[in-house]
């Protein structure tokens, strides 16, 4: 294996911080959820365009009609994921929203079970029940605060299901395309979807104050392009499970940032429920047999 210039855990840690900033930037912006989502995707596509048109346009010839259909569905699901998740932050806390969105691995396994008939192992069932128990505890605590907080939790859960559908529809196309081409196509379709959604809803594309444009641009650069790029770079040196586990720390980072930026205090049900959700998902993604075999061997010298 090629030796990395820096330890992979460093860019992974930075990647976690960048994706944790996503919810903070959304709450700092005052525009409607669909406007924030549109400009996040629009600026991402705009920044990627020179690289894509310089080097990757030939890959479009590989796309079949089925690929275009699946990419379009993936892009539409991604668009509505952002709309609902961003909107959830208007009703519930950053901590509750980001924890519930991390249920994505379990939604993914449910999707592969129903659509691809993959087997459910006992470990999967147990981890799923644990995570669901934690999410119920969070929702119950938020309901005691207000009905609107519970509504925000439900939006976050639906947003989680939508991002899972986006991944399931896109995974087959992604296998045959480079990351740049696949991302550009899906982000482009998502941008068009959001554009027409804003038009139909009668929203305004501007003008906005300078600080709003700053949050839109930062959302595109920091969590979208920088965060995911760092994770993808790290995949060359660490397993997918390491990345999956690292992403579980996003709610913790987001909650800490929300405390300092918005003075959002955690209640007991959020702390306990969030810990249960993360524990359940960690049980799901960790291959304990493989982990034990790694510990028996000499660790890699980075």
Protein backbone atom coordinates (compact mmCIF):
# COMPACT_ATOMS: atom_id res chain seq x y z
CA UNK A 1 0.00 0.00 0.00
CA UNK A 2 1.22 3.50 -0.90
CA UNK A 3 2.28 5.38 2.21
CA UNK A 4 0.16 8.54 2.74
CA UNK A 5 1.83 11.90 3.27
CA UNK A 6 -0.23 12.42 6.45
CA UNK A 7 -2.00 10.00 8.79
CA UNK A 8 -5.47 9.25 7.30
CA UNK A 9 -7.17 9.92 10.63
CA UNK A 10 -6.24 13.61 10.37
CA UNK A 11 -8.26 14.32 7.18
CA UNK A 12 -11.04 12.07 8.53
CA UNK A 13 -11.23 14.21 11.69
CA UNK A 14 -11.28 17.39 9.59
CA UNK A 15 -13.97 15.81 7.39
CA UNK A 16 -16.16 15.12 10.44
CA UNK A 17 -15.83 18.75 11.55
CA UNK A 18 -16.70 20.06 8.08
CA UNK A 19 -19.88 17.95 7.78
CA UNK A 20 -20.84 18.91 11.35
CA UNK A 21 -20.73 22.56 10.24
CA UNK A 22 -23.50 21.91 7.72
CA UNK A 23 -26.34 22.22 10.25
CA UNK A 24 -24.70 25.31 11.77
CA UNK A 25 -24.48 27.11 8.41
CA UNK A 26 -28.11 26.21 7.65
CA UNK A 27 -29.33 27.67 10.95
CA UNK A 28 -27.25 30.81 10.43
CA UNK A 29 -28.91 31.39 7.05
CA UNK A 30 -32.33 33.06 7.16
CA UNK A 31 -33.61 31.97 3.73
CA UNK A 32 -36.22 29.27 3.18
CA UNK A 33 -35.02 25.66 3.32
CA UNK A 34 -35.48 25.10 -0.42
CA UNK A 35 -33.49 28.27 -1.25
CA UNK A 36 -30.60 27.19 0.99
CA UNK A 37 -30.70 23.72 -0.59
CA UNK A 38 -30.77 25.16 -4.12
CA UNK A 39 -27.76 27.41 -3.65
CA UNK A 40 -25.81 24.72 -1.80
CA UNK A 41 -26.17 22.44 -4.83
CA UNK A 42 -25.91 25.22 -7.44
CA UNK A 43 -22.59 26.52 -6.10
CA UNK A 44 -21.28 22.96 -5.76
CA UNK A 45 -22.03 22.29 -9.45
CA UNK A 46 -20.59 25.67 -10.44
CA UNK A 47 -17.31 24.97 -8.63
CA UNK A 48 -17.07 21.45 -10.08
CA UNK A 49 -17.93 22.51 -13.67
CA UNK A 50 -14.42 23.56 -14.84
CA UNK A 51 -12.88 20.25 -13.66
CA UNK A 52 -15.72 18.18 -15.14
CA UNK A 53 -15.73 19.87 -18.57
CA UNK A 54 -11.92 19.84 -18.75
CA UNK A 55 -11.40 16.15 -18.03
CA UNK A 56 -14.53 14.03 -17.56
CA UNK A 57 -17.17 14.78 -20.23
CA UNK A 58 -16.26 11.65 -22.24
CA UNK A 59 -17.62 9.49 -19.40
CA UNK A 60 -21.16 10.67 -20.17
CA UNK A 61 -21.14 8.32 -23.18
CA UNK A 62 -21.09 5.39 -20.75
CA UNK A 63 -24.49 6.35 -19.34
CA UNK A 64 -27.40 4.25 -20.56
CA UNK A 65 -31.07 5.29 -20.42
CA UNK A 66 -31.41 3.28 -17.23
CA UNK A 67 -28.38 5.08 -15.77
CA UNK A 68 -29.92 8.46 -16.58
CA UNK A 69 -33.22 7.37 -15.04
CA UNK A 70 -31.57 6.13 -11.85
CA UNK A 71 -29.33 9.22 -11.64
CA UNK A 72 -32.36 11.46 -12.06
CA UNK A 73 -34.27 9.66 -9.30
CA UNK A 74 -31.19 9.86 -7.06
CA UNK A 75 -30.86 13.59 -7.72
CA UNK A 76 -34.55 14.21 -6.97
CA UNK A 77 -34.34 12.27 -3.70
CA UNK A 78 -31.21 14.20 -2.73
CA UNK A 79 -32.97 17.51 -3.41
CA UNK A 80 -35.90 16.67 -1.15
CA UNK A 81 -33.56 15.25 1.48
CA UNK A 82 -31.95 18.66 1.80
CA UNK A 83 -35.30 20.49 1.79
CA UNK A 84 -36.72 18.39 4.62
CA UNK A 85 -33.52 18.20 6.67
CA UNK A 86 -32.89 21.94 6.44
CA UNK A 87 -36.54 22.59 7.32
CA UNK A 88 -36.27 20.26 10.33
CA UNK A 89 -33.66 22.60 11.80
CA UNK A 90 -36.35 25.30 12.02
CA UNK A 91 -38.34 23.16 14.45
CA UNK A 92 -35.97 20.92 16.39
CA UNK A 93 -32.47 21.22 17.79
CA UNK A 94 -29.27 20.64 15.84
CA UNK A 95 -28.48 17.69 18.13
CA UNK A 96 -31.81 15.89 17.58
CA UNK A 97 -31.86 16.53 13.82
CA UNK A 98 -28.29 15.37 13.14
CA UNK A 99 -28.60 12.27 15.36
CA UNK A 100 -31.79 11.15 13.58
CA UNK A 101 -30.18 11.69 10.16
CA UNK A 102 -27.36 9.32 11.21
CA UNK A 103 -29.89 6.45 11.12
CA UNK A 104 -29.08 6.27 7.38
CA UNK A 105 -27.10 2.97 7.57
CA UNK A 106 -30.14 1.21 9.06
CA UNK A 107 -32.47 2.69 6.45
CA UNK A 108 -30.00 1.49 3.81
CA UNK A 109 -30.05 -2.05 5.12
CA UNK A 110 -33.85 -2.00 5.27
CA UNK A 111 -33.87 -0.87 1.64
CA UNK A 112 -31.52 -3.62 0.50
CA UNK A 113 -33.64 -6.15 2.44
CA UNK A 114 -36.93 -5.15 0.80
CA UNK A 115 -35.63 -4.39 -2.71
CA UNK A 116 -32.65 -6.73 -3.07
CA UNK A 117 -33.74 -9.49 -0.65
CA UNK A 118 -30.53 -9.31 1.38
CA UNK A 119 -30.66 -11.32 4.62
CA UNK A 120 -31.09 -9.75 8.02
CA UNK A 121 -28.53 -11.02 10.52
CA UNK A 122 -29.28 -11.17 14.24
CA UNK A 123 -26.65 -8.45 14.81
CA UNK A 124 -28.48 -6.19 12.34
CA UNK A 125 -31.85 -6.75 14.01
CA UNK A 126 -30.45 -6.07 17.49
CA UNK A 127 -28.53 -2.95 16.40
CA UNK A 128 -31.61 -1.69 14.57
CA UNK A 129 -33.82 -2.13 17.63
CA UNK A 130 -31.26 -0.34 19.80
CA UNK A 131 -30.99 2.63 17.42
CA UNK A 132 -34.77 2.84 16.99
CA UNK A 133 -35.16 2.80 20.79
CA UNK A 134 -32.76 5.72 21.02
CA UNK A 135 -34.61 7.70 18.36
CA UNK A 136 -37.93 7.10 20.16
CA UNK A 137 -36.38 8.42 23.37
CA UNK A 138 -35.17 11.56 21.57
CA UNK A 139 -38.60 12.13 20.00
CA UNK A 140 -40.37 11.54 23.31
CA UNK A 141 -38.15 14.11 25.02
CA UNK A 142 -38.67 16.61 22.22
CA UNK A 143 -42.44 16.08 22.33
CA UNK A 144 -42.36 17.02 26.02
CA UNK A 145 -40.65 20.27 25.00
CA UNK A 146 -43.11 21.07 22.19
CA UNK A 147 -45.07 19.51 19.36
CA UNK A 148 -43.04 21.52 16.85
CA UNK A 149 -39.82 19.85 18.05
CA UNK A 150 -41.39 16.44 17.42
CA UNK A 151 -42.46 17.66 13.97
CA UNK A 152 -38.85 18.62 13.25
CA UNK A 153 -37.73 15.15 14.36
CA UNK A 154 -40.16 13.56 11.91
CA UNK A 155 -38.85 15.75 9.08
CA UNK A 156 -35.29 14.65 9.92
CA UNK A 157 -36.32 10.98 9.83
CA UNK A 158 -38.01 11.38 6.43
CA UNK A 159 -34.91 13.25 5.20
CA UNK A 160 -32.82 10.29 6.37
CA UNK A 161 -35.01 7.88 4.39
CA UNK A 162 -34.70 10.07 1.29
CA UNK A 163 -30.89 10.25 1.41
CA UNK A 164 -30.86 6.46 1.75
CA UNK A 165 -33.00 6.16 -1.38
CA UNK A 166 -30.59 8.54 -3.15
CA UNK A 167 -27.68 6.23 -2.28
CA UNK A 168 -29.53 3.04 -3.26
CA UNK A 169 -30.52 4.37 -6.69
CA UNK A 170 -27.08 5.82 -7.35
CA UNK A 171 -24.84 2.98 -6.20
CA UNK A 172 -25.07 0.97 -9.43
CA UNK A 173 -24.31 3.99 -11.65
CA UNK A 174 -21.43 5.08 -9.39
CA UNK A 175 -19.62 1.77 -9.98
CA UNK A 176 -19.09 2.64 -13.64
CA UNK A 177 -18.28 6.34 -13.35
CA UNK A 178 -15.60 8.39 -11.68
CA UNK A 179 -16.55 10.24 -8.51
CA UNK A 180 -16.38 13.62 -10.30
CA UNK A 181 -18.71 12.61 -13.16
CA UNK A 182 -21.25 10.85 -10.98
CA UNK A 183 -21.33 13.67 -8.43
CA UNK A 184 -21.61 16.35 -11.14
CA UNK A 185 -24.52 14.56 -12.86
CA UNK A 186 -26.49 13.88 -9.66
CA UNK A 187 -25.79 17.31 -8.16
CA UNK A 188 -26.82 18.88 -11.48
CA UNK A 189 -30.13 17.00 -11.53
CA UNK A 190 -30.68 17.89 -7.88
CA UNK A 191 -30.04 21.58 -8.66
CA UNK A 192 -32.57 21.56 -11.53
CA UNK A 193 -35.13 19.84 -9.28
CA UNK A 194 -34.66 22.46 -6.57
CA UNK A 195 -34.86 25.27 -9.14
CA UNK A 196 -38.29 24.16 -10.36
CA UNK A 197 -39.45 23.44 -6.80
CA UNK A 198 -38.63 27.03 -5.80
CA UNK A 199 -40.40 28.36 -8.93
CA UNK A 200 -43.54 26.30 -8.29
CA UNK A 201 -43.60 27.32 -4.63
CA UNK A 202 -43.17 30.98 -5.59
CA UNK A 203 -39.91 31.46 -3.72
CA UNK A 204 -37.37 34.18 -4.41
CA UNK A 205 -33.87 33.51 -5.74
CA UNK A 206 -32.74 36.89 -4.44
CA UNK A 207 -31.54 39.45 -3.74
CA UNK A 208 -30.16 38.42 -0.36
CA UNK A 209 -27.79 40.15 2.07
CA UNK A 210 -24.08 39.44 1.69
CA UNK A 211 -23.97 37.21 4.77
CA UNK A 212 -26.66 34.94 3.25
CA UNK A 213 -24.56 34.41 0.13
CA UNK A 214 -21.63 33.60 2.40
CA UNK A 215 -23.58 30.78 4.13
CA UNK A 216 -24.78 29.44 0.76
CA UNK A 217 -21.22 29.36 -0.56
CA UNK A 218 -19.76 27.85 2.62
CA UNK A 219 -22.37 25.08 2.53
CA UNK A 220 -21.21 24.17 -0.97
CA UNK A 221 -17.49 24.35 -0.23
CA UNK A 222 -17.14 23.02 3.33
CA UNK A 223 -19.50 20.04 3.89
CA UNK A 224 -20.27 19.25 0.23
CA UNK A 225 -16.92 19.49 -1.54
CA UNK A 226 -14.26 19.54 1.19
CA UNK A 227 -15.84 17.10 3.68
CA UNK A 228 -16.74 14.37 1.23
CA UNK A 229 -13.50 14.80 -0.70
CA UNK A 230 -11.50 14.19 2.48
CA UNK A 231 -13.52 11.05 3.23
CA UNK A 232 -13.02 9.77 -0.32
CA UNK A 233 -9.25 10.43 -0.15
CA UNK A 234 -9.04 8.50 3.14
CA UNK A 235 -10.80 5.47 1.64
CA UNK A 236 -7.55 4.67 -0.16
CA UNK A 237 -5.88 3.93 3.19
CA UNK A 238 -8.67 2.87 5.58
CA UNK A 239 -11.79 0.71 5.31
CA UNK A 240 -15.29 2.03 4.61
CA UNK A 241 -16.27 1.03 8.15
CA UNK A 242 -13.75 3.48 9.59
CA UNK A 243 -15.39 6.30 7.62
CA UNK A 244 -18.88 5.11 8.62
CA UNK A 245 -17.94 5.12 12.29
CA UNK A 246 -16.22 8.51 12.00
CA UNK A 247 -19.35 10.08 10.48
CA UNK A 248 -21.28 8.99 13.59
CA UNK A 249 -19.37 11.67 15.48
CA UNK A 250 -21.02 14.37 13.31
CA UNK A 251 -23.97 14.82 15.74
CA UNK A 252 -21.54 15.22 18.65
CA UNK A 253 -19.55 17.87 16.79
CA UNK A 254 -22.74 19.60 15.63
CA UNK A 255 -24.18 19.60 19.17
CA UNK A 256 -20.97 21.12 20.60
CA UNK A 257 -20.92 23.80 17.88
CA UNK A 258 -24.64 24.52 18.39
CA UNK A 259 -24.00 25.04 22.11
CA UNK A 260 -21.36 27.70 21.46
CA UNK A 261 -23.03 29.34 18.43
CA UNK A 262 -26.74 29.19 19.37
CA UNK A 263 -26.55 28.40 23.10
CA UNK A 264 -28.51 25.18 22.46
CA UNK A 265 -28.47 23.11 25.64
CA UNK A 266 -28.95 19.34 25.56
CA UNK A 267 -31.66 17.74 27.65
CA UNK A 268 -31.24 14.31 29.25
CA UNK A 269 -33.33 12.46 26.64
CA UNK A 270 -31.19 13.91 23.82
CA UNK A 271 -27.94 12.84 25.50
CA UNK A 272 -29.15 9.35 26.44
CA UNK A 273 -31.18 8.80 23.24
CA UNK A 274 -28.38 10.09 21.01
CA UNK A 275 -25.85 7.86 22.75
CA UNK A 276 -28.14 4.85 22.25
CA UNK A 277 -28.63 5.66 18.55
CA UNK A 278 -24.86 5.99 17.97
CA UNK A 279 -24.18 2.78 19.95
CA UNK A 280 -26.76 0.90 17.87
CA UNK A 281 -25.31 2.11 14.57
CA UNK A 282 -21.75 1.37 15.71
CA UNK A 283 -22.88 -2.18 16.52
CA UNK A 284 -24.31 -2.35 13.00
CA UNK A 285 -21.28 -1.06 11.07
CA UNK A 286 -18.44 -2.66 13.05
CA UNK A 287 -17.27 -6.07 11.90
CA UNK A 288 -16.09 -7.37 15.27
CA UNK A 289 -14.43 -10.50 13.87
CA UNK A 290 -12.37 -8.39 11.47
CA UNK A 291 -11.61 -5.89 14.22
CA UNK A 292 -10.24 -8.60 16.50
CA UNK A 293 -8.09 -9.97 13.70
CA UNK A 294 -6.64 -6.49 13.10
CA UNK A 295 -5.74 -6.08 16.77
CA UNK A 296 -3.90 -9.41 16.70
CA UNK A 297 -1.71 -8.13 13.88
CA UNK A 298 0.93 -5.45 13.95
CA UNK A 299 -0.72 -2.05 13.25
CA UNK A 300 0.11 -0.27 10.02
CA UNK A 301 2.98 2.18 10.29
CA UNK A 302 1.82 5.43 8.74
